[in-house]
Protein backbone atom coordinates (compact mmCIF):
# COMPACT_ATOMS: atom_id res chain seq x y z
CA MET A 1 169.23 53.00 66.68
CA THR A 2 165.54 53.92 66.42
CA PHE A 3 163.98 55.97 69.24
CA ASP A 4 162.26 52.68 70.65
CA GLU A 5 165.68 51.01 70.41
CA ARG A 6 167.38 54.01 72.48
CA TYR A 7 164.25 53.89 75.11
CA ALA A 8 164.39 50.06 75.52
CA ALA A 9 168.17 50.44 76.52
CA ILE A 10 167.24 52.94 78.87
CA GLN A 11 164.46 50.80 80.31
CA SER A 12 167.16 48.14 80.91
CA ARG A 13 169.88 50.18 81.74
CA ASP A 14 172.20 48.55 79.30
CA ALA A 15 175.74 49.59 80.03
CA ARG A 16 176.62 48.49 76.61
CA PHE A 17 175.22 51.98 75.30
CA ASP A 18 177.33 54.02 77.55
CA GLY A 19 179.07 56.55 75.70
CA GLN A 20 177.14 55.73 72.35
CA PHE A 21 174.38 58.30 73.21
CA VAL A 22 173.01 60.38 76.13
CA THR A 23 169.53 60.53 77.26
CA ALA A 24 168.12 63.91 77.98
CA VAL A 25 164.94 64.75 80.12
CA SER A 26 163.27 68.02 79.42
CA SER A 27 161.28 68.02 83.00
CA THR A 28 164.55 67.58 84.83
CA GLY A 29 166.81 69.36 82.51
CA ILE A 30 169.82 66.85 82.78
CA TYR A 31 171.11 64.28 80.50
CA CYS A 32 172.00 60.89 81.38
CA ARG A 33 174.35 57.82 80.17
CA PRO A 34 171.80 54.93 79.18
CA SER A 35 172.92 52.66 82.41
CA CYS A 36 171.64 55.65 84.71
CA PRO A 37 169.85 54.15 87.88
CA ALA A 38 167.60 56.63 88.12
CA ARG A 39 163.83 56.29 87.16
CA THR A 40 163.10 55.69 83.97
CA PRO A 41 161.89 59.02 82.56
CA LYS A 42 158.59 59.36 80.12
CA PRO A 43 159.05 58.83 76.51
CA ALA A 44 157.55 62.07 76.05
CA ASN A 45 160.22 63.67 78.10
CA VAL A 46 163.00 62.39 76.46
CA THR A 47 165.31 63.29 73.62
CA PHE A 48 168.42 61.42 72.46
CA TYR A 49 171.80 63.06 71.19
CA PRO A 50 174.67 61.23 69.97
CA THR A 51 177.11 63.86 71.85
CA SER A 52 177.01 64.81 75.40
CA ALA A 53 177.98 68.40 73.49
CA ALA A 54 174.60 68.39 71.87
CA ALA A 55 172.89 68.00 74.97
CA HIS A 56 174.95 70.91 76.44
CA GLU A 57 174.12 73.28 73.38
CA ALA A 58 170.47 72.03 74.07
CA GLY A 59 170.46 73.83 77.36
CA TYR A 60 171.10 70.41 79.37
CA ARG A 61 173.58 69.79 82.23
CA ALA A 62 175.31 66.34 83.16
CA CYS A 63 173.59 63.99 85.76
CA LYS A 64 175.22 64.04 89.07
CA ARG A 65 174.49 60.56 89.82
CA CYS A 66 175.63 58.76 86.65
CA LEU A 67 178.51 61.19 85.40
CA PRO A 68 177.83 60.48 81.69
CA GLU A 69 180.93 62.24 81.09
CA ALA A 70 182.63 59.27 82.64
CA ALA A 71 181.58 56.77 79.97
CA PRO A 72 183.71 55.05 77.52
CA GLY A 73 183.82 56.82 74.33
CA SER A 74 181.34 56.11 71.18
CA PRO A 75 182.73 53.11 68.98
CA ASP A 76 181.21 55.15 66.01
CA TRP A 77 183.87 57.28 65.57
CA ASP A 78 185.91 54.28 64.25
CA VAL A 79 182.95 52.03 62.46
CA ARG A 80 182.30 55.45 60.50
CA GLY A 81 184.59 56.65 58.24
CA ASP A 82 182.85 60.25 57.42
CA VAL A 83 183.84 63.40 58.21
CA ALA A 84 181.92 63.66 61.35
CA ALA A 85 184.13 60.60 62.66
CA ARG A 86 187.17 61.83 61.58
CA ALA A 87 186.54 65.30 63.34
CA MET A 88 185.69 63.54 66.46
CA ARG A 89 189.11 61.71 66.18
CA LEU A 90 190.96 64.94 65.99
CA ILE A 91 188.70 67.08 68.62
CA ALA A 92 189.77 64.20 71.03
CA ASP A 93 193.34 64.67 70.24
CA GLY A 94 193.26 68.18 70.91
CA VAL A 95 193.80 69.66 67.32
CA ILE A 96 191.38 72.58 68.04
CA GLU A 97 193.20 73.84 71.56
CA ARG A 98 196.42 73.47 69.24
CA GLU A 99 195.55 74.82 66.00
CA GLY A 100 191.92 76.05 66.75
CA VAL A 101 188.67 75.29 64.26
CA PRO A 102 190.89 76.53 61.05
CA GLY A 103 193.34 74.05 61.71
CA LEU A 104 190.50 71.22 62.31
CA ALA A 105 189.02 72.42 58.99
CA ARG A 106 191.92 72.65 57.03
CA ARG A 107 192.89 69.11 57.94
CA LEU A 108 189.65 68.08 56.70
CA GLY A 109 189.71 69.71 53.49
CA TYR A 110 186.42 72.20 54.19
CA SER A 111 186.36 75.74 55.27
CA PRO A 112 185.81 76.71 58.78
CA ARG A 113 181.90 77.69 58.22
CA HIS A 114 180.80 74.54 56.29
CA LEU A 115 182.65 72.04 58.83
CA THR A 116 180.62 73.88 61.48
CA ARG A 117 177.54 73.51 59.40
CA LEU A 118 177.99 70.09 58.65
CA LEU A 119 179.08 68.85 62.41
CA THR A 120 175.97 71.10 63.82
CA THR A 121 173.83 69.04 61.53
CA GLU A 122 175.09 65.56 62.00
CA LEU A 123 176.00 65.76 65.81
CA GLY A 124 173.96 68.42 67.40
CA ALA A 125 176.86 70.93 68.04
CA GLY A 126 179.53 72.31 66.07
CA PRO A 127 183.68 72.07 66.62
CA LEU A 128 183.77 74.51 69.28
CA ALA A 129 180.97 72.93 71.78
CA LEU A 130 182.47 69.43 70.76
CA SER A 131 185.92 70.65 71.90
CA ARG A 132 184.36 72.08 74.91
CA ALA A 133 182.61 68.91 76.20
CA GLN A 134 186.20 66.88 75.55
CA ARG A 135 187.51 69.70 77.86
CA ALA A 136 184.89 69.12 80.34
CA GLN A 137 185.33 65.32 80.30
CA THR A 138 189.46 65.60 80.55
CA ALA A 139 188.93 68.03 83.72
CA ARG A 140 186.27 65.88 85.47
CA MET A 141 188.78 62.88 84.95
CA LEU A 142 191.61 64.99 86.74
CA LEU A 143 189.61 66.17 89.67
CA VAL A 144 188.37 63.01 90.74
CA GLY A 145 191.19 60.93 89.65
CA THR A 146 194.33 63.13 90.89
CA THR A 147 195.27 65.41 93.74
CA MET A 148 196.32 68.13 91.24
CA PRO A 149 195.24 71.75 92.30
CA ALA A 150 192.25 73.02 90.20
CA SER A 151 194.08 75.78 88.83
CA ASP A 152 196.56 73.03 87.19
CA VAL A 153 193.18 71.01 86.37
CA ALA A 154 192.40 73.66 84.52
CA PHE A 155 195.26 74.20 81.92
CA ALA A 156 195.80 70.46 81.79
CA ALA A 157 192.27 70.25 80.60
CA GLY A 158 192.93 72.81 78.00
CA PHE A 159 191.01 75.60 79.00
CA ALA A 160 192.39 79.14 78.25
CA SER A 161 191.63 80.45 81.97
CA VAL A 162 190.74 79.41 85.27
CA ARG A 163 187.81 81.55 84.72
CA GLN A 164 186.59 79.55 81.88
CA PHE A 165 187.50 76.21 83.54
CA ASN A 166 185.09 77.23 86.40
CA ASP A 167 182.26 78.46 84.31
CA THR A 168 182.32 75.33 82.02
CA ILE A 169 182.29 73.05 85.27
CA ARG A 170 179.59 74.83 86.62
CA GLU A 171 177.45 74.99 83.73
CA VAL A 172 178.05 71.51 82.63
CA PHE A 173 178.18 69.36 86.23
CA GLY A 174 175.90 71.73 87.94
CA LEU A 175 178.61 71.81 90.47
CA THR A 176 182.22 74.18 91.24
CA PRO A 177 185.32 71.81 90.40
CA LEU A 178 185.95 71.39 94.10
CA GLU A 179 182.17 70.28 94.63
CA LEU A 180 182.67 67.91 91.66
CA ARG A 181 186.02 66.43 93.54
CA ALA A 182 184.29 65.99 96.83
CA ARG A 183 181.62 63.68 95.11
CA ARG A 184 184.75 61.34 93.30
CA PRO A 185 187.35 61.35 96.25
CA ALA A 186 190.66 61.03 94.68
CA THR A 187 192.60 57.74 94.45
CA GLY A 188 195.22 58.54 96.73
CA ALA A 189 197.76 59.12 94.16
CA ALA A 190 200.73 61.47 95.30
CA ALA A 191 200.54 65.08 94.98
CA GLY A 192 201.47 66.14 91.35
CA THR A 193 201.14 62.75 90.01
CA ILE A 194 199.17 62.41 86.91
CA ASP A 195 197.76 58.76 87.73
CA LEU A 196 193.80 57.99 86.01
CA ALA A 197 191.43 55.58 85.69
CA LEU A 198 190.66 54.66 82.29
CA PRO A 199 187.14 53.92 81.47
CA VAL A 200 186.80 50.56 79.64
CA ARG A 201 183.64 49.31 77.91
CA GLY A 202 183.91 45.30 78.91
CA PRO A 203 184.58 42.74 78.41
CA PHE A 204 188.37 43.30 77.92
CA ASP A 205 191.26 41.12 76.94
CA ALA A 206 193.83 42.86 78.74
CA ALA A 207 196.15 39.90 78.84
CA GLY A 208 195.80 39.37 75.22
CA LEU A 209 196.72 42.97 74.49
CA PHE A 210 200.04 43.15 76.55
CA ALA A 211 201.24 39.96 75.25
CA TRP A 212 201.11 41.61 71.63
CA MET A 213 202.93 44.51 72.97
CA SER A 214 205.39 42.40 74.84
CA ALA A 215 206.39 40.25 71.80
CA ARG A 216 206.90 43.45 69.81
CA ALA A 217 207.97 46.08 72.23
CA VAL A 218 211.44 48.09 71.16
CA PRO A 219 213.76 48.10 74.03
CA GLY A 220 214.36 51.93 75.29
CA VAL A 221 211.01 53.00 73.54
CA GLU A 222 209.08 50.53 74.81
CA GLU A 223 208.57 48.20 77.87
CA ALA A 224 205.86 45.81 78.46
CA ALA A 225 204.94 43.03 80.62
CA ASP A 226 202.31 40.78 81.75
CA ALA A 227 200.11 43.18 82.86
CA SER A 228 201.89 46.82 81.93
CA PHE A 229 202.64 48.41 78.90
CA ALA A 230 205.15 51.88 78.78
CA ARG A 231 206.59 53.88 76.10
CA THR A 232 207.94 57.21 75.57
CA VAL A 233 206.16 59.72 72.78
CA ARG A 234 206.39 63.05 70.99
CA LEU A 235 203.85 65.28 72.08
CA ALA A 236 203.08 68.95 71.14
CA SER A 237 205.22 70.74 74.17
CA GLY A 238 207.91 68.02 74.03
CA PRO A 239 209.09 64.10 74.92
CA GLY A 240 206.50 62.43 77.53
CA SER A 241 206.17 59.04 78.42
CA PHE A 242 203.06 56.90 79.82
CA GLU A 243 202.37 53.54 81.43
CA VAL A 244 199.20 51.63 81.29
CA ARG A 245 198.56 48.88 83.97
CA THR A 246 195.49 46.72 85.18
CA ASP A 247 194.37 47.68 88.65
CA VAL A 248 193.30 45.10 91.54
CA GLY A 249 189.89 44.99 90.05
CA GLY A 250 190.84 44.46 86.46
CA GLY A 251 190.54 48.09 85.02
CA LEU A 252 193.33 50.33 83.52
CA ARG A 253 195.20 52.98 85.06
CA LEU A 254 197.21 55.45 82.90
CA ARG A 255 200.35 57.12 84.42
CA ALA A 256 201.50 59.87 82.85
CA THR A 257 205.06 62.13 82.57
CA LEU A 258 205.00 65.19 80.30
CA ALA A 259 206.53 68.40 79.59
CA ALA A 260 203.34 70.35 79.84
CA LEU A 261 200.00 69.60 81.51
CA SER A 262 198.23 70.58 78.42
CA ASP A 263 199.51 67.55 76.42
CA LEU A 264 197.48 65.38 78.81
CA ALA A 265 194.31 65.05 76.97
CA ALA A 266 196.16 63.88 73.54
CA VAL A 267 197.88 61.38 75.60
CA VAL A 268 194.45 60.10 77.06
CA ALA A 269 193.17 59.79 73.33
CA ARG A 270 196.01 58.28 72.20
CA VAL A 271 196.04 55.49 74.88
CA ARG A 272 192.68 54.89 74.17
CA ARG A 273 193.17 54.14 70.40
CA ILE A 274 196.46 52.07 71.21
CA PHE A 275 194.14 49.79 73.63
CA ASP A 276 191.06 49.99 71.53
CA LEU A 277 189.14 51.02 74.61
CA ASP A 278 186.23 52.71 72.63
CA ALA A 279 185.06 49.16 70.66
CA ASP A 280 181.83 47.43 71.45
CA PRO A 281 183.09 44.15 72.33
CA LEU A 282 179.28 43.00 72.84
CA ALA A 283 178.36 43.74 69.36
CA VAL A 284 181.62 42.23 67.77
CA ASP A 285 181.66 39.18 70.21
CA ALA A 286 177.63 38.38 69.12
CA ALA A 287 178.78 38.64 65.45
CA LEU A 288 181.65 36.70 65.55
CA SER A 289 179.81 33.64 67.64
CA ARG A 290 177.36 33.57 65.06
CA HIS A 291 179.74 31.43 63.14
CA PRO A 292 180.09 28.15 64.77
CA GLU A 293 184.11 27.69 63.75
CA LEU A 294 184.39 31.00 66.14
CA ALA A 295 182.07 30.56 68.83
CA PRO A 296 184.44 28.72 70.94
CA ARG A 297 187.31 31.02 70.29
CA VAL A 298 184.95 34.24 71.11
CA ARG A 299 183.72 32.40 74.73
CA ALA A 300 187.29 31.85 75.51
CA ILE A 301 188.60 35.39 74.71
CA PRO A 302 185.63 37.72 75.12
CA GLY A 303 186.34 41.14 74.31
CA ILE A 304 189.18 41.05 71.90
CA ARG A 305 190.97 44.01 70.75
CA VAL A 306 192.84 45.38 67.86
CA PRO A 307 195.97 47.17 68.88
CA GLY A 308 195.79 50.92 67.39
CA ALA A 309 199.30 52.92 66.75
CA ALA A 310 200.95 55.49 68.90
CA ASP A 311 201.94 57.53 65.90
CA PRO A 312 200.65 56.91 62.46
CA HIS A 313 204.38 57.60 60.86
CA GLU A 314 205.90 54.94 63.07
CA MET A 315 203.15 52.55 62.47
CA LEU A 316 203.97 52.79 58.76
CA ILE A 317 208.12 52.19 59.25
CA ARG A 318 206.95 49.42 61.51
CA ALA A 319 205.30 47.41 59.32
CA MET A 320 207.53 48.23 56.38
CA VAL A 321 210.33 47.12 58.35
CA GLY A 322 208.38 43.73 59.18
CA GLN A 323 207.58 42.61 55.72
CA GLN A 324 208.80 39.55 54.87
CA ILE A 325 210.68 38.92 58.36
CA SER A 326 209.36 37.37 61.59
CA VAL A 327 208.05 39.49 64.62
CA ALA A 328 211.53 38.72 66.24
CA ALA A 329 213.62 39.62 63.60
CA ALA A 330 211.29 42.96 62.80
CA ARG A 331 211.94 43.84 66.58
CA THR A 332 215.71 43.54 66.34
CA ALA A 333 215.73 45.67 63.34
CA LEU A 334 213.47 48.44 64.71
CA THR A 335 215.83 48.15 68.14
CA ALA A 336 218.72 48.73 65.88
CA LEU A 337 217.20 51.76 64.00
CA ALA A 338 215.83 53.22 67.48
CA ASP A 339 219.25 52.80 69.05
CA ALA A 340 221.18 54.62 65.95
CA LEU A 341 218.76 57.56 65.48
CA GLY A 342 216.62 57.96 68.29
CA ASP A 343 216.76 61.02 70.27
CA GLU A 344 217.62 60.31 74.12
CA VAL A 345 215.31 61.65 76.39
CA PRO A 346 215.49 61.66 80.44
CA GLY A 347 212.47 59.19 81.73
CA PRO A 348 211.70 55.82 84.02
CA PRO A 349 214.36 53.10 83.95
CA GLY A 350 214.09 51.38 80.58
CA LEU A 351 212.64 54.41 78.72
CA THR A 352 215.40 56.14 77.30
CA ARG A 353 214.63 57.02 73.63
CA LEU A 354 212.09 58.02 71.25
CA PHE A 355 211.09 56.36 68.24
CA PRO A 356 213.44 58.10 65.06
CA THR A 357 211.82 61.15 63.66
CA MET A 358 211.20 60.66 59.71
CA ALA A 359 213.89 63.13 59.12
CA ALA A 360 216.03 61.15 60.71
CA ILE A 361 215.30 57.86 58.98
CA ALA A 362 215.56 59.51 55.78
CA GLU A 363 218.76 61.13 56.27
CA HIS A 364 220.69 58.15 57.97
CA GLY A 365 218.19 55.01 57.61
CA ALA A 366 220.19 53.40 55.06
CA GLU A 367 223.15 53.43 57.22
CA VAL A 368 221.40 51.33 60.19
CA LEU A 369 218.72 48.90 58.02
CA ARG A 370 220.06 45.60 57.11
CA GLY A 371 218.39 43.55 54.32
CA PRO A 372 217.60 43.59 50.36
CA GLY A 373 218.54 46.98 49.11
CA ALA A 374 215.03 47.55 47.36
CA ARG A 375 213.36 47.39 50.84
CA ILE A 376 216.01 49.73 52.34
CA ARG A 377 215.08 52.03 49.89
CA SER A 378 211.13 51.73 50.04
CA ILE A 379 211.46 52.51 53.71
CA VAL A 380 213.73 55.24 53.44
CA GLY A 381 211.80 56.78 50.73
CA ALA A 382 208.59 56.51 52.36
CA ALA A 383 210.27 58.16 55.43
CA ARG A 384 211.33 61.04 53.20
CA ALA A 385 207.54 61.27 51.96
CA LEU A 386 206.41 61.79 55.40
CA ALA A 387 209.26 64.20 56.38
CA ASP A 388 208.78 66.61 53.62
CA GLY A 389 205.00 66.54 53.51
CA ASP A 390 204.39 64.84 50.35
CA LEU A 391 202.76 61.76 52.01
CA THR A 392 200.19 62.38 54.34
CA LEU A 393 199.17 60.07 57.21
CA THR A 394 196.91 60.76 59.90
CA ILE A 395 194.32 59.19 62.54
CA ALA A 396 191.53 61.39 60.68
CA ASP A 397 192.61 60.47 56.86
CA ASP A 398 189.73 59.07 54.78
CA GLY A 399 190.21 55.10 54.71
CA ALA A 400 190.05 54.69 50.80
CA GLU A 401 192.21 57.71 49.99
CA GLN A 402 194.80 56.84 52.66
CA ARG A 403 195.01 53.20 51.04
CA ARG A 404 195.87 54.88 47.52
CA SER A 405 198.29 57.34 48.93
CA LEU A 406 200.11 54.21 50.78
CA LEU A 407 200.34 52.09 47.79
CA ALA A 408 201.33 54.45 45.32
CA LEU A 409 204.44 54.70 47.64
CA PRO A 410 207.43 51.89 45.89
CA GLY A 411 207.65 48.67 48.23
CA VAL A 412 203.94 49.14 49.89
CA GLY A 413 201.51 46.51 48.98
CA PRO A 414 198.06 45.72 49.65
CA TRP A 415 198.85 43.99 53.12
CA THR A 416 200.84 47.07 54.15
CA ALA A 417 198.15 49.80 53.36
CA ASP A 418 195.36 47.71 54.71
CA TYR A 419 197.29 46.77 58.12
CA VAL A 420 198.21 50.44 58.45
CA ARG A 421 194.80 51.45 57.95
CA MET A 422 193.63 49.23 60.54
CA ARG A 423 196.28 50.31 63.02
CA VAL A 424 196.13 53.85 62.43
CA LEU A 425 192.77 54.54 61.75
CA GLY A 426 191.18 51.87 64.12
CA ASP A 427 189.02 50.71 60.78
CA PRO A 428 187.37 47.65 62.58
CA ASP A 429 186.61 46.23 58.97
CA VAL A 430 189.87 45.32 57.75
CA PHE A 431 190.49 41.73 56.24
CA LEU A 432 194.09 40.47 55.24
CA PRO A 433 193.32 37.68 53.10
CA ALA A 434 196.79 37.00 52.22
CA ASP A 435 198.42 37.20 55.96
CA VAL A 436 200.47 34.21 56.31
CA ALA A 437 199.19 34.39 59.94
CA VAL A 438 195.75 35.03 59.18
CA ARG A 439 195.69 32.02 56.78
CA SER A 440 197.40 29.51 59.44
CA GLY A 441 194.73 30.73 62.22
CA ALA A 442 191.89 29.83 59.84
CA GLN A 443 193.03 26.54 59.05
CA ALA A 444 193.65 25.79 62.57
CA LEU A 445 190.08 26.89 63.64
CA GLY A 446 188.86 24.55 60.86
CA ILE A 447 187.88 27.59 58.44
CA PRO A 448 188.50 26.83 54.67
CA ARG A 449 191.46 28.77 53.12
CA GLU A 450 189.49 28.59 49.68
CA GLY A 451 187.16 31.37 49.74
CA LEU A 452 188.53 33.02 52.89
CA ASP A 453 188.14 36.52 51.88
CA ALA A 454 184.33 35.52 50.88
CA TRP A 455 183.95 34.10 53.94
CA ALA A 456 185.05 36.83 56.31
CA ALA A 457 182.92 39.18 54.11
CA THR A 458 179.97 37.72 55.92
CA LEU A 459 181.55 39.38 59.13
CA ALA A 460 181.36 42.80 58.30
CA PRO A 461 181.94 45.41 59.89
CA TRP A 462 184.00 43.39 62.33
CA ARG A 463 186.47 41.64 59.99
CA SER A 464 189.46 43.42 62.07
CA TYR A 465 188.47 41.64 65.16
CA LEU A 466 188.33 38.26 63.06
CA CYS A 467 191.97 38.75 62.30
CA ALA A 468 192.63 39.35 65.89
CA HIS A 469 191.05 36.08 66.68
CA LEU A 470 192.75 34.11 63.75
CA TRP A 471 196.09 35.49 64.70
CA ARG A 472 195.61 34.34 68.50
CA ALA A 473 194.71 30.63 66.73
CA VAL A 474 198.40 30.07 64.98
CA PRO A 475 199.67 27.05 66.37
CA PRO A 476 202.79 27.68 68.27
CA ARG A 477 205.79 26.86 66.06
CA PRO A 478 208.17 24.03 67.11
CA SER A 479 211.24 24.96 69.17
CA ARG A 480 214.47 25.17 67.05
CA THR A 481 216.12 23.28 69.51
CA SER A 482 213.78 20.34 68.67
CA THR A 483 215.48 19.80 64.90
CA PRO A 484 218.73 18.57 64.57
CA ARG A 485 221.42 21.02 63.18
CA SER A 486 222.49 18.22 60.04
CA ARG A 487 219.54 16.65 57.76
CA SER A 488 219.78 14.92 54.66
CA ARG A 489 218.70 16.58 51.26
CA THR A 490 215.15 14.20 51.84
CA THR A 491 214.53 15.76 55.65
CA PRO A 492 211.86 18.30 55.27
CA LEU A 493 212.88 21.75 56.71
CA PRO A 494 211.15 23.31 60.06
CA ALA A 495 208.43 25.26 59.52
CA ARG A 496 210.51 28.26 60.80
CA THR A 497 212.53 28.08 57.77
CA ALA A 498 209.79 28.37 55.07
CA VAL A 499 209.34 31.82 53.53
CA PRO A 500 206.33 32.52 51.67
CA ALA A 501 206.53 34.04 48.08
CA PHE A 502 204.60 37.25 48.78
CA ALA A 503 206.08 40.08 50.84
CA GLU A 504 203.70 41.31 53.11
CA GLU A 505 202.90 38.94 55.83
CA ILE A 506 203.84 39.45 59.58
CA PRO A 507 201.85 41.69 61.77
CA THR A 508 204.30 43.91 63.83
């Protein structure tokens, strides 16, 4: 966006751009989100920054009125696949708190000095400043959304000491932690309960996401209903669990149970990826609506989202298990795998196991999995490659390199590699032209199946969301009970029994 385009956004107080940039005002020394209700500053006094960390580094503090740290995250980190975007995903996941700048640089393949120089040039702040802004955002969320003692908030947000926490909150927000809490009273959650509101950029198709998760939930590991989703997760400090549910106003709330409060930032980042909360739905809907075949679907389902992955390794195994079988059959196979190999954990009712580790699947998966021997060997081989470190699969991979690495695995074809890229990296521009459900949905909407890939190319960079709409448009399959068990050789088989020739086809 140009300066004039950004200035027009703040003049109209356009909430679509909240989280995508901040507005720093030299005459007041503060920075705001684009939708701030305060009087629009003169252009000569305005500087736009891509991140709040850049505004901090330039000497500005956050607006007490609009609290820019409470905005949803930027969709740029999914749309862009460069080093800066990959670094931002890892910083949000808490890598610097766990591994420091050297760990972040190592994951991205750069020296710490070069990475600092690159991020400062691209984003206006180095990795330490970006991480500090992330900690301040987490602390603000806990201060205004829970009744946790301020000292607990400090360590949950990733600060090394209470003093560092106090100094940062005062510098960023111009308030002490307790003053910040007083300005936004807590929600009434019980003492010690981590129960947070999640910022969402609307519109948001929550019902569609919960329905997707409900159809694929692995009992014991996951539990889903019409307006909630819960699961167990492995975190740096030990196993944990979370539940995401809709609130009375249609927003989302997160309740987390953790082994250590320091894991909270990673859980929040993971949940935001799973629910695609940092997407730009108005931009997506506007692009898709330009095609008359899609416009009615977009009007009927505004703000559609592409589900992310709770864990990259788990996502690859789930995708490989789901090849050439139905969603229900994949769920049955994954449930057997979790029951046999998943570690038992104490937790809320219904959440009793963790998804199996790659080491466990590599060692015992062949004893549990059923189906063609070649496919079982492929799944076990992929798990062994991940467990041994021969294959790297993370949320910060380069998309093209990740795809090449996955295609090198036996039993992994283009559908699996691209589907994993869509779910793990949050890549908004993945299209699956050979996917049975995509082709069926296209036919249901009157989109010619011949030349479908070329037609979809006109919707770049939002083709993942096109897939989501086409999956939703698939007509329901006829009930099994509607077809007699005995039939003559001339009676056509029901749709459920038709098995396409290619292997990768069912999104799981």
